[in-house]
Amino acid sequence: MNGSPQGWVILALLLTSLLVRVVPAFVKLRLSARARTLLERVLPMAVFLNFAVYIAVVELRQAPWPAASAFALCALLTFMTRAGLIVNTLAGTALWFAVPGFFPG
């Protein structure tokens, strides 16, 4: 079975997400409090962070200036304002598209 590296990562994240979120809803497991915490909080956060890092690396390799500036703006908005997720995403996306005009080549 051949596939692109991105396809394999997406498949791995999809399967992990299904195992973390969907399967526990249908299968009742007798877990200790610590194991339940890992399954409900730590593992989903690890999946999310893995996906975020993968997206950042791919974007930074393909378009370093636009990606770095958009990520910096999103981080700044997150920590310095109370802008919501939608505003943050729109601002980062707008900057990502605007930066190539400022830094051609």
PDB file of N, CA and C in Angstrom:
ATOM      1  N   MET A   1       0.846  -1.178   0.000  1.00  0.00           N
ATOM      2  CA  MET A   1       0.000   0.000   0.000  1.00  0.00           C
ATOM      3  C   MET A   1       0.886   1.235   0.000  1.00  0.00           C
ATOM      4  N   ASN A   2       0.820   2.007  -1.065  1.00  0.00           N
ATOM      5  CA  ASN A   2       1.616   3.227  -1.183  1.00  0.00           C
ATOM      6  C   ASN A   2       0.766   4.433  -0.833  1.00  0.00           C
ATOM      7  N   GLY A   3       1.405   5.422  -0.270  1.00  0.00           N
ATOM      8  CA  GLY A   3       0.703   6.661   0.069  1.00  0.00           C
ATOM      9  C   GLY A   3       1.702   7.742   0.374  1.00  0.00           C
ATOM     10  N   SER A   4       1.224   8.956   0.367  1.00  0.00           N
ATOM     11  CA  SER A   4       2.100  10.076   0.677  1.00  0.00           C
ATOM     12  C   SER A   4       2.354  10.123   2.177  1.00  0.00           C
ATOM     13  N   PRO A   5       3.445  10.747   2.596  1.00  0.00           N
ATOM     14  CA  PRO A   5       3.687  10.899   4.036  1.00  0.00           C
ATOM     15  C   PRO A   5       2.538  11.619   4.740  1.00  0.00           C
ATOM     16  N   GLN A   6       1.959  12.615   4.059  1.00  0.00           N
ATOM     17  CA  GLN A   6       0.834  13.325   4.656  1.00  0.00           C
ATOM     18  C   GLN A   6      -0.360  12.398   4.832  1.00  0.00           C
ATOM     19  N   GLY A   7      -0.592  11.546   3.861  1.00  0.00           N
ATOM     20  CA  GLY A   7      -1.698  10.591   3.953  1.00  0.00           C
ATOM     21  C   GLY A   7      -1.526   9.634   5.121  1.00  0.00           C
ATOM     22  N   TRP A   8      -0.308   9.174   5.343  1.00  0.00           N
ATOM     23  CA  TRP A   8      -0.044   8.262   6.458  1.00  0.00           C
ATOM     24  C   TRP A   8      -0.244   8.957   7.802  1.00  0.00           C
ATOM     25  N   VAL A   9       0.195  10.207   7.881  1.00  0.00           N
ATOM     26  CA  VAL A   9       0.019  10.955   9.134  1.00  0.00           C
ATOM     27  C   VAL A   9      -1.456  11.193   9.404  1.00  0.00           C
ATOM     28  N   ILE A  10      -2.192  11.582   8.375  1.00  0.00           N
ATOM     29  CA  ILE A  10      -3.631  11.809   8.548  1.00  0.00           C
ATOM     30  C   ILE A  10      -4.328  10.523   8.960  1.00  0.00           C
ATOM     31  N   LEU A  11      -3.971   9.410   8.346  1.00  0.00           N
ATOM     32  CA  LEU A  11      -4.559   8.114   8.721  1.00  0.00           C
ATOM     33  C   LEU A  11      -4.227   7.754  10.161  1.00  0.00           C
ATOM     34  N   ALA A  12      -2.980   7.953  10.560  1.00  0.00           N
ATOM     35  CA  ALA A  12      -2.577   7.637  11.937  1.00  0.00           C
ATOM     36  C   ALA A  12      -3.324   8.507  12.937  1.00  0.00           C
ATOM     37  N   LEU A  13      -3.450   9.791  12.644  1.00  0.00           N
ATOM     38  CA  LEU A  13      -4.167  10.689  13.548  1.00  0.00           C
ATOM     39  C   LEU A  13      -5.661  10.362  13.581  1.00  0.00           C
ATOM     40  N   LEU A  14      -6.231   9.993  12.450  1.00  0.00           N
ATOM     41  CA  LEU A  14      -7.641   9.600  12.414  1.00  0.00           C
ATOM     42  C   LEU A  14      -7.885   8.365  13.271  1.00  0.00           C
ATOM     43  N   LEU A  15      -7.049   7.349  13.088  1.00  0.00           N
ATOM     44  CA  LEU A  15      -7.211   6.124  13.879  1.00  0.00           C
ATOM     45  C   LEU A  15      -7.014   6.376  15.371  1.00  0.00           C
ATOM     46  N   THR A  16      -6.023   7.184  15.692  1.00  0.00           N
ATOM     47  CA  THR A  16      -5.785   7.511  17.100  1.00  0.00           C
ATOM     48  C   THR A  16      -6.957   8.282  17.682  1.00  0.00           C
ATOM     49  N   SER A  17      -7.469   9.234  16.936  1.00  0.00           N
ATOM     50  CA  SER A  17      -8.621  10.003  17.406  1.00  0.00           C
ATOM     51  C   SER A  17      -9.841   9.109  17.615  1.00  0.00           C
ATOM     52  N   LEU A  18     -10.062   8.189  16.691  1.00  0.00           N
ATOM     53  CA  LEU A  18     -11.177   7.257  16.851  1.00  0.00           C
ATOM     54  C   LEU A  18     -10.999   6.396  18.098  1.00  0.00           C
ATOM     55  N   LEU A  19      -9.783   5.912  18.309  1.00  0.00           N
ATOM     56  CA  LEU A  19      -9.520   5.090  19.496  1.00  0.00           C
ATOM     57  C   LEU A  19      -9.680   5.876  20.784  1.00  0.00           C
ATOM     58  N   VAL A  20      -9.333   7.137  20.747  1.00  0.00           N
ATOM     59  CA  VAL A  20      -9.373   7.964  21.954  1.00  0.00           C
ATOM     60  C   VAL A  20     -10.790   8.475  22.240  1.00  0.00           C
ATOM     61  N   ARG A  21     -11.523   8.858  21.218  1.00  0.00           N
ATOM     62  CA  ARG A  21     -12.818   9.512  21.417  1.00  0.00           C
ATOM     63  C   ARG A  21     -14.028   8.614  21.161  1.00  0.00           C
ATOM     64  N   VAL A  22     -14.004   7.824  20.115  1.00  0.00           N
ATOM     65  CA  VAL A  22     -15.192   7.068  19.726  1.00  0.00           C
ATOM     66  C   VAL A  22     -15.283   5.730  20.452  1.00  0.00           C
ATOM     67  N   VAL A  23     -14.217   4.968  20.436  1.00  0.00           N
ATOM     68  CA  VAL A  23     -14.244   3.641  21.050  1.00  0.00           C
ATOM     69  C   VAL A  23     -14.621   3.691  22.530  1.00  0.00           C
ATOM     70  N   PRO A  24     -14.054   4.600  23.341  1.00  0.00           N
ATOM     71  CA  PRO A  24     -14.453   4.638  24.753  1.00  0.00           C
ATOM     72  C   PRO A  24     -15.938   4.939  24.977  1.00  0.00           C
ATOM     73  N   ALA A  25     -16.589   5.577  24.006  1.00  0.00           N
ATOM     74  CA  ALA A  25     -18.014   5.855  24.146  1.00  0.00           C
ATOM     75  C   ALA A  25     -18.852   4.590  24.014  1.00  0.00           C
ATOM     76  N   PHE A  26     -18.339   3.594  23.306  1.00  0.00           N
ATOM     77  CA  PHE A  26     -19.096   2.368  23.073  1.00  0.00           C
ATOM     78  C   PHE A  26     -18.600   1.184  23.893  1.00  0.00           C
ATOM     79  N   VAL A  27     -17.357   1.236  24.313  1.00  0.00           N
ATOM     80  CA  VAL A  27     -16.770   0.129  25.069  1.00  0.00           C
ATOM     81  C   VAL A  27     -16.487   0.600  26.486  1.00  0.00           C
ATOM     82  N   LYS A  28     -17.094  -0.059  27.444  1.00  0.00           N
ATOM     83  CA  LYS A  28     -16.868   0.294  28.847  1.00  0.00           C
ATOM     84  C   LYS A  28     -15.705  -0.534  29.384  1.00  0.00           C
ATOM     85  N   LEU A  29     -14.660   0.153  29.770  1.00  0.00           N
ATOM     86  CA  LEU A  29     -13.490  -0.510  30.309  1.00  0.00           C
ATOM     87  C   LEU A  29     -13.373  -0.183  31.791  1.00  0.00           C
ATOM     88  N   ARG A  30     -12.954  -1.126  32.553  1.00  0.00           N
ATOM     89  CA  ARG A  30     -12.702  -0.882  33.975  1.00  0.00           C
ATOM     90  C   ARG A  30     -11.272  -0.384  34.109  1.00  0.00           C
ATOM     91  N   LEU A  31     -11.148   0.911  34.290  1.00  0.00           N
ATOM     92  CA  LEU A  31      -9.831   1.522  34.358  1.00  0.00           C
ATOM     93  C   LEU A  31      -9.643   2.186  35.712  1.00  0.00           C
ATOM     94  N   SER A  32      -8.397   2.245  36.112  1.00  0.00           N
ATOM     95  CA  SER A  32      -8.078   2.980  37.333  1.00  0.00           C
ATOM     96  C   SER A  32      -8.273   4.471  37.061  1.00  0.00           C
ATOM     97  N   ALA A  33      -8.295   5.263  38.111  1.00  0.00           N
ATOM     98  CA  ALA A  33      -8.464   6.712  37.951  1.00  0.00           C
ATOM     99  C   ALA A  33      -7.339   7.303  37.115  1.00  0.00           C
ATOM    100  N   ARG A  34      -6.129   6.835  37.335  1.00  0.00           N
ATOM    101  CA  ARG A  34      -4.985   7.342  36.568  1.00  0.00           C
ATOM    102  C   ARG A  34      -5.102   6.968  35.091  1.00  0.00           C
ATOM    103  N   ALA A  35      -5.462   5.726  34.806  1.00  0.00           N
ATOM    104  CA  ALA A  35      -5.616   5.289  33.414  1.00  0.00           C
ATOM    105  C   ALA A  35      -6.751   6.043  32.733  1.00  0.00           C
ATOM    106  N   ARG A  36      -7.821   6.298  33.454  1.00  0.00           N
ATOM    107  CA  ARG A  36      -8.949   7.054  32.902  1.00  0.00           C
ATOM    108  C   ARG A  36      -8.515   8.488  32.570  1.00  0.00           C
ATOM    109  N   THR A  37      -7.737   9.097  33.458  1.00  0.00           N
ATOM    110  CA  THR A  37      -7.225  10.450  33.212  1.00  0.00           C
ATOM    111  C   THR A  37      -6.353  10.472  31.962  1.00  0.00           C
ATOM    112  N   LEU A  38      -5.485   9.478  31.834  1.00  0.00           N
ATOM    113  CA  LEU A  38      -4.638   9.398  30.644  1.00  0.00           C
ATOM    114  C   LEU A  38      -5.471   9.263  29.383  1.00  0.00           C
ATOM    115  N   LEU A  39      -6.472   8.415  29.421  1.00  0.00           N
ATOM    116  CA  LEU A  39      -7.297   8.168  28.246  1.00  0.00           C
ATOM    117  C   LEU A  39      -8.173   9.367  27.902  1.00  0.00           C
ATOM    118  N   GLU A  40      -8.699  10.052  28.916  1.00  0.00           N
ATOM    119  CA  GLU A  40      -9.641  11.132  28.666  1.00  0.00           C
ATOM    120  C   GLU A  40      -8.980  12.487  28.427  1.00  0.00           C
ATOM    121  N   ARG A  41      -7.828  12.719  29.019  1.00  0.00           N
ATOM    122  CA  ARG A  41      -7.219  14.054  28.923  1.00  0.00           C
ATOM    123  C   ARG A  41      -5.858  14.064  28.256  1.00  0.00           C
ATOM    124  N   VAL A  42      -4.966  13.234  28.708  1.00  0.00           N
ATOM    125  CA  VAL A  42      -3.584  13.295  28.235  1.00  0.00           C
ATOM    126  C   VAL A  42      -3.459  12.806  26.801  1.00  0.00           C
ATOM    127  N   LEU A  43      -4.040  11.687  26.469  1.00  0.00           N
ATOM    128  CA  LEU A  43      -3.916  11.138  25.120  1.00  0.00           C
ATOM    129  C   LEU A  43      -4.554  12.049  24.069  1.00  0.00           C
ATOM    130  N   PRO A  44      -5.769  12.582  24.283  1.00  0.00           N
ATOM    131  CA  PRO A  44      -6.317  13.513  23.276  1.00  0.00           C
ATOM    132  C   PRO A  44      -5.443  14.758  23.097  1.00  0.00           C
ATOM    133  N   MET A  45      -4.888  15.274  24.183  1.00  0.00           N
ATOM    134  CA  MET A  45      -4.014  16.444  24.071  1.00  0.00           C
ATOM    135  C   MET A  45      -2.763  16.091  23.277  1.00  0.00           C
ATOM    136  N   ALA A  46      -2.224  14.904  23.499  1.00  0.00           N
ATOM    137  CA  ALA A  46      -1.044  14.475  22.750  1.00  0.00           C
ATOM    138  C   ALA A  46      -1.357  14.357  21.263  1.00  0.00           C
ATOM    139  N   VAL A  47      -2.528  13.836  20.930  1.00  0.00           N
ATOM    140  CA  VAL A  47      -2.934  13.722  19.524  1.00  0.00           C
ATOM    141  C   VAL A  47      -3.060  15.114  18.906  1.00  0.00           C
ATOM    142  N   PHE A  48      -3.709  16.028  19.623  1.00  0.00           N
ATOM    143  CA  PHE A  48      -3.876  17.386  19.121  1.00  0.00           C
ATOM    144  C   PHE A  48      -2.528  18.072  18.916  1.00  0.00           C
ATOM    145  N   LEU A  49      -1.639  17.973  19.889  1.00  0.00           N
ATOM    146  CA  LEU A  49      -0.326  18.607  19.769  1.00  0.00           C
ATOM    147  C   LEU A  49       0.482  18.010  18.624  1.00  0.00           C
ATOM    148  N   ASN A  50       0.391  16.696  18.438  1.00  0.00           N
ATOM    149  CA  ASN A  50       1.078  16.044  17.331  1.00  0.00           C
ATOM    150  C   ASN A  50       0.580  16.601  16.006  1.00  0.00           C
ATOM    151  N   PHE A  51      -0.726  16.730  15.877  1.00  0.00           N
ATOM    152  CA  PHE A  51      -1.316  17.260  14.652  1.00  0.00           C
ATOM    153  C   PHE A  51      -0.897  18.716  14.435  1.00  0.00           C
ATOM    154  N   ALA A  52      -0.903  19.526  15.485  1.00  0.00           N
ATOM    155  CA  ALA A  52      -0.518  20.932  15.374  1.00  0.00           C
ATOM    156  C   ALA A  52       0.946  21.072  14.958  1.00  0.00           C
ATOM    157  N   VAL A  53       1.816  20.283  15.553  1.00  0.00           N
ATOM    158  CA  VAL A  53       3.242  20.333  15.197  1.00  0.00           C
ATOM    159  C   VAL A  53       3.445  19.887  13.755  1.00  0.00           C
ATOM    160  N   TYR A  54       2.737  18.848  13.337  1.00  0.00           N
ATOM    161  CA  TYR A  54       2.850  18.383  11.954  1.00  0.00           C
ATOM    162  C   TYR A  54       2.440  19.485  10.976  1.00  0.00           C
ATOM    163  N   ILE A  55       1.318  20.143  11.250  1.00  0.00           N
ATOM    164  CA  ILE A  55       0.859  21.228  10.379  1.00  0.00           C
ATOM    165  C   ILE A  55       1.888  22.355  10.350  1.00  0.00           C
ATOM    166  N   ALA A  56       2.402  22.725  11.515  1.00  0.00           N
ATOM    167  CA  ALA A  56       3.384  23.812  11.580  1.00  0.00           C
ATOM    168  C   ALA A  56       4.636  23.473  10.778  1.00  0.00           C
ATOM    169  N   VAL A  57       5.144  22.265  10.921  1.00  0.00           N
ATOM    170  CA  VAL A  57       6.361  21.873  10.203  1.00  0.00           C
ATOM    171  C   VAL A  57       6.134  21.892   8.697  1.00  0.00           C
ATOM    172  N   VAL A  58       5.023  21.342   8.250  1.00  0.00           N
ATOM    173  CA  VAL A  58       4.731  21.320   6.814  1.00  0.00           C
ATOM    174  C   VAL A  58       4.613  22.743   6.269  1.00  0.00           C
ATOM    175  N   GLU A  59       3.872  23.594   6.966  1.00  0.00           N
ATOM    176  CA  GLU A  59       3.704  24.972   6.500  1.00  0.00           C
ATOM    177  C   GLU A  59       5.018  25.742   6.521  1.00  0.00           C
ATOM    178  N   LEU A  60       5.814  25.567   7.569  1.00  0.00           N
ATOM    179  CA  LEU A  60       7.095  26.277   7.655  1.00  0.00           C
ATOM    180  C   LEU A  60       8.062  25.831   6.570  1.00  0.00           C
ATOM    181  N   ARG A  61       8.007  24.579   6.160  1.00  0.00           N
ATOM    182  CA  ARG A  61       8.870  24.101   5.073  1.00  0.00           C
ATOM    183  C   ARG A  61       8.425  24.644   3.728  1.00  0.00           C
ATOM    184  N   GLN A  62       7.106  24.705   3.514  1.00  0.00           N
ATOM    185  CA  GLN A  62       6.595  25.110   2.208  1.00  0.00           C
ATOM    186  C   GLN A  62       6.613  26.628   2.015  1.00  0.00           C
ATOM    187  N   ALA A  63       6.302  27.374   3.053  1.00  0.00           N
ATOM    188  CA  ALA A  63       6.241  28.840   2.943  1.00  0.00           C
ATOM    189  C   ALA A  63       6.686  29.437   4.270  1.00  0.00           C
ATOM    190  N   PRO A  64       7.996  29.540   4.489  1.00  0.00           N
ATOM    191  CA  PRO A  64       8.500  29.945   5.803  1.00  0.00           C
ATOM    192  C   PRO A  64       8.012  31.303   6.297  1.00  0.00           C
ATOM    193  N   TRP A  65       8.104  32.351   5.468  1.00  0.00           N
ATOM    194  CA  TRP A  65       7.714  33.686   5.931  1.00  0.00           C
ATOM    195  C   TRP A  65       6.226  33.789   6.231  1.00  0.00           C
ATOM    196  N   PRO A  66       5.359  33.383   5.312  1.00  0.00           N
ATOM    197  CA  PRO A  66       3.933  33.476   5.622  1.00  0.00           C
ATOM    198  C   PRO A  66       3.538  32.642   6.849  1.00  0.00           C
ATOM    199  N   ALA A  67       4.058  31.430   6.934  1.00  0.00           N
ATOM    200  CA  ALA A  67       3.697  30.555   8.049  1.00  0.00           C
ATOM    201  C   ALA A  67       4.199  31.112   9.374  1.00  0.00           C
ATOM    202  N   ALA A  68       5.453  31.538   9.414  1.00  0.00           N
ATOM    203  CA  ALA A  68       6.018  32.063  10.664  1.00  0.00           C
ATOM    204  C   ALA A  68       5.280  33.315  11.119  1.00  0.00           C
ATOM    205  N   SER A  69       4.968  34.194  10.179  1.00  0.00           N
ATOM    206  CA  SER A  69       4.264  35.414  10.565  1.00  0.00           C
ATOM    207  C   SER A  69       2.841  35.115  11.031  1.00  0.00           C
ATOM    208  N   ALA A  70       2.157  34.208  10.364  1.00  0.00           N
ATOM    209  CA  ALA A  70       0.791  33.853  10.768  1.00  0.00           C
ATOM    210  C   ALA A  70       0.784  33.164  12.131  1.00  0.00           C
ATOM    211  N   PHE A  71       1.715  32.250  12.360  1.00  0.00           N
ATOM    212  CA  PHE A  71       1.793  31.574  13.665  1.00  0.00           C
ATOM    213  C   PHE A  71       2.132  32.568  14.768  1.00  0.00           C
ATOM    214  N   ALA A  72       3.029  33.499  14.475  1.00  0.00           N
ATOM    215  CA  ALA A  72       3.392  34.513  15.475  1.00  0.00           C
ATOM    216  C   ALA A  72       2.188  35.395  15.814  1.00  0.00           C
ATOM    217  N   LEU A  73       1.438  35.802  14.793  1.00  0.00           N
ATOM    218  CA  LEU A  73       0.249  36.614  15.041  1.00  0.00           C
ATOM    219  C   LEU A  73      -0.774  35.841  15.871  1.00  0.00           C
ATOM    220  N   CYS A  74      -1.002  34.595  15.525  1.00  0.00           N
ATOM    221  CA  CYS A  74      -1.964  33.786  16.285  1.00  0.00           C
ATOM    222  C   CYS A  74      -1.514  33.626  17.739  1.00  0.00           C
ATOM    223  N   ALA A  75      -0.232  33.405  17.954  1.00  0.00           N
ATOM    224  CA  ALA A  75       0.271  33.285  19.326  1.00  0.00           C
ATOM    225  C   ALA A  75       0.099  34.599  20.075  1.00  0.00           C
ATOM    226  N   LEU A  76       0.421  35.698  19.413  1.00  0.00           N
ATOM    227  CA  LEU A  76       0.269  37.008  20.039  1.00  0.00           C
ATOM    228  C   LEU A  76      -1.193  37.283  20.394  1.00  0.00           C
ATOM    229  N   LEU A  77      -2.099  37.015  19.462  1.00  0.00           N
ATOM    230  CA  LEU A  77      -3.518  37.222  19.734  1.00  0.00           C
ATOM    231  C   LEU A  77      -4.014  36.331  20.865  1.00  0.00           C
ATOM    232  N   THR A  78      -3.517  35.114  20.911  1.00  0.00           N
ATOM    233  CA  THR A  78      -3.951  34.182  21.946  1.00  0.00           C
ATOM    234  C   THR A  78      -3.541  34.658  23.332  1.00  0.00           C
ATOM    235  N   PHE A  79      -2.309  35.121  23.468  1.00  0.00           N
ATOM    236  CA  PHE A  79      -1.795  35.472  24.788  1.00  0.00           C
ATOM    237  C   PHE A  79      -2.044  36.930  25.185  1.00  0.00           C
ATOM    238  N   MET A  80      -2.293  37.809  24.229  1.00  0.00           N
ATOM    239  CA  MET A  80      -2.396  39.230  24.545  1.00  0.00           C
ATOM    240  C   MET A  80      -3.824  39.774  24.459  1.00  0.00           C
ATOM    241  N   THR A  81      -4.745  39.018  23.901  1.00  0.00           N
ATOM    242  CA  THR A  81      -6.117  39.514  23.742  1.00  0.00           C
ATOM    243  C   THR A  81      -7.105  38.439  24.159  1.00  0.00           C
ATOM    244  N   ARG A  82      -8.356  38.793  24.083  1.00  0.00           N
ATOM    245  CA  ARG A  82      -9.422  37.827  24.335  1.00  0.00           C
ATOM    246  C   ARG A  82     -10.136  37.473  23.029  1.00  0.00           C
ATOM    247  N   ALA A  83      -9.435  37.651  21.919  1.00  0.00           N
ATOM    248  CA  ALA A  83     -10.017  37.311  20.621  1.00  0.00           C
ATOM    249  C   ALA A  83     -10.345  35.823  20.598  1.00  0.00           C
ATOM    250  N   GLY A  84     -11.458  35.501  20.043  1.00  0.00           N
ATOM    251  CA  GLY A  84     -11.884  34.109  19.983  1.00  0.00           C
ATOM    252  C   GLY A  84     -11.151  33.324  18.911  1.00  0.00           C
ATOM    253  N   LEU A  85     -11.445  32.066  18.839  1.00  0.00           N
ATOM    254  CA  LEU A  85     -10.802  31.158  17.889  1.00  0.00           C
ATOM    255  C   LEU A  85     -11.050  31.590  16.451  1.00  0.00           C
ATOM    256  N   ILE A  86     -12.267  32.021  16.147  1.00  0.00           N
ATOM    257  CA  ILE A  86     -12.598  32.416  14.771  1.00  0.00           C
ATOM    258  C   ILE A  86     -11.800  33.660  14.370  1.00  0.00           C
ATOM    259  N   VAL A  87     -11.779  34.674  15.221  1.00  0.00           N
ATOM    260  CA  VAL A  87     -11.031  35.903  14.925  1.00  0.00           C
ATOM    261  C   VAL A  87      -9.545  35.588  14.782  1.00  0.00           C
ATOM    262  N   ASN A  88      -9.022  34.778  15.679  1.00  0.00           N
ATOM    263  CA  ASN A  88      -7.617  34.393  15.652  1.00  0.00           C
ATOM    264  C   ASN A  88      -7.291  33.682  14.334  1.00  0.00           C
ATOM    265  N   THR A  89      -8.112  32.730  13.950  1.00  0.00           N
ATOM    266  CA  THR A  89      -7.885  31.973  12.720  1.00  0.00           C
ATOM    267  C   THR A  89      -7.987  32.868  11.489  1.00  0.00           C
ATOM    268  N   LEU A  90      -8.981  33.736  11.459  1.00  0.00           N
ATOM    269  CA  LEU A  90      -9.127  34.641  10.312  1.00  0.00           C
ATOM    270  C   LEU A  90      -7.941  35.598  10.201  1.00  0.00           C
ATOM    271  N   ALA A  91      -7.481  36.139  11.317  1.00  0.00           N
ATOM    272  CA  ALA A  91      -6.339  37.056  11.293  1.00  0.00           C
ATOM    273  C   ALA A  91      -5.074  36.336  10.816  1.00  0.00           C
ATOM    274  N   GLY A  92      -4.826  35.147  11.334  1.00  0.00           N
ATOM    275  CA  GLY A  92      -3.653  34.381  10.907  1.00  0.00           C
ATOM    276  C   GLY A  92      -3.713  34.013   9.435  1.00  0.00           C
ATOM    277  N   THR A  93      -4.894  33.615   8.971  1.00  0.00           N
ATOM    278  CA  THR A  93      -5.057  33.244   7.564  1.00  0.00           C
ATOM    279  C   THR A  93      -4.868  34.461   6.660  1.00  0.00           C
ATOM    280  N   ALA A  94      -5.440  35.584   7.045  1.00  0.00           N
ATOM    281  CA  ALA A  94      -5.279  36.805   6.243  1.00  0.00           C
ATOM    282  C   ALA A  94      -3.809  37.198   6.154  1.00  0.00           C
ATOM    283  N   LEU A  95      -3.094  37.128   7.259  1.00  0.00           N
ATOM    284  CA  LEU A  95      -1.673  37.472   7.245  1.00  0.00           C
ATOM    285  C   LEU A  95      -0.880  36.483   6.402  1.00  0.00           C
ATOM    286  N   TRP A  96      -1.233  35.208   6.473  1.00  0.00           N
ATOM    287  CA  TRP A  96      -0.539  34.179   5.684  1.00  0.00           C
ATOM    288  C   TRP A  96      -0.640  34.505   4.200  1.00  0.00           C
ATOM    289  N   PHE A  97      -1.823  34.969   3.774  1.00  0.00           N
ATOM    290  CA  PHE A  97      -1.986  35.318   2.364  1.00  0.00           C
ATOM    291  C   PHE A  97      -1.341  36.655   2.021  1.00  0.00           C
ATOM    292  N   ALA A  98      -1.243  37.569   2.970  1.00  0.00           N
ATOM    293  CA  ALA A  98      -0.694  38.891   2.705  1.00  0.00           C
ATOM    294  C   ALA A  98       0.838  38.920   2.670  1.00  0.00           C
ATOM    295  N   VAL A  99       1.476  38.098   3.453  1.00  0.00           N
ATOM    296  CA  VAL A  99       2.949  38.146   3.587  1.00  0.00           C
ATOM    297  C   VAL A  99       3.689  37.888   2.285  1.00  0.00           C
ATOM    298  N   PRO A 100       3.277  36.967   1.428  1.00  0.00           N
ATOM    299  CA  PRO A 100       4.039  36.799   0.178  1.00  0.00           C
ATOM    300  C   PRO A 100       4.126  38.081  -0.641  1.00  0.00           C
ATOM    301  N   GLY A 101       3.144  38.970  -0.515  1.00  0.00           N
ATOM    302  CA  GLY A 101       3.211  40.258  -1.211  1.00  0.00           C
ATOM    303  C   GLY A 101       4.290  41.158  -0.633  1.00  0.00           C
ATOM    304  N   PHE A 102       4.575  41.016   0.656  1.00  0.00           N
ATOM    305  CA  PHE A 102       5.604  41.815   1.302  1.00  0.00           C
ATOM    306  C   PHE A 102       6.999  41.230   1.102  1.00  0.00           C
ATOM    307  N   PHE A 103       7.076  39.905   1.001  1.00  0.00           N
ATOM    308  CA  PHE A 103       8.351  39.200   0.831  1.00  0.00           C
ATOM    309  C   PHE A 103       8.293  38.358  -0.438  1.00  0.00           C
ATOM    310  N   PRO A 104       8.383  38.941  -1.606  1.00  0.00           N
ATOM    311  CA  PRO A 104       8.313  38.147  -2.835  1.00  0.00           C
ATOM    312  C   PRO A 104       9.531  37.247  -2.970  1.00  0.00           C
ATOM    313  N   GLY A 105       9.288  36.142  -3.650  1.00  0.00           N
ATOM    314  CA  GLY A 105      10.398  35.236  -3.916  1.00  0.00           C
ATOM    315  C   GLY A 105      10.411  34.135  -3.053  1.00  0.00           C
TER     316      GLY A 105
END
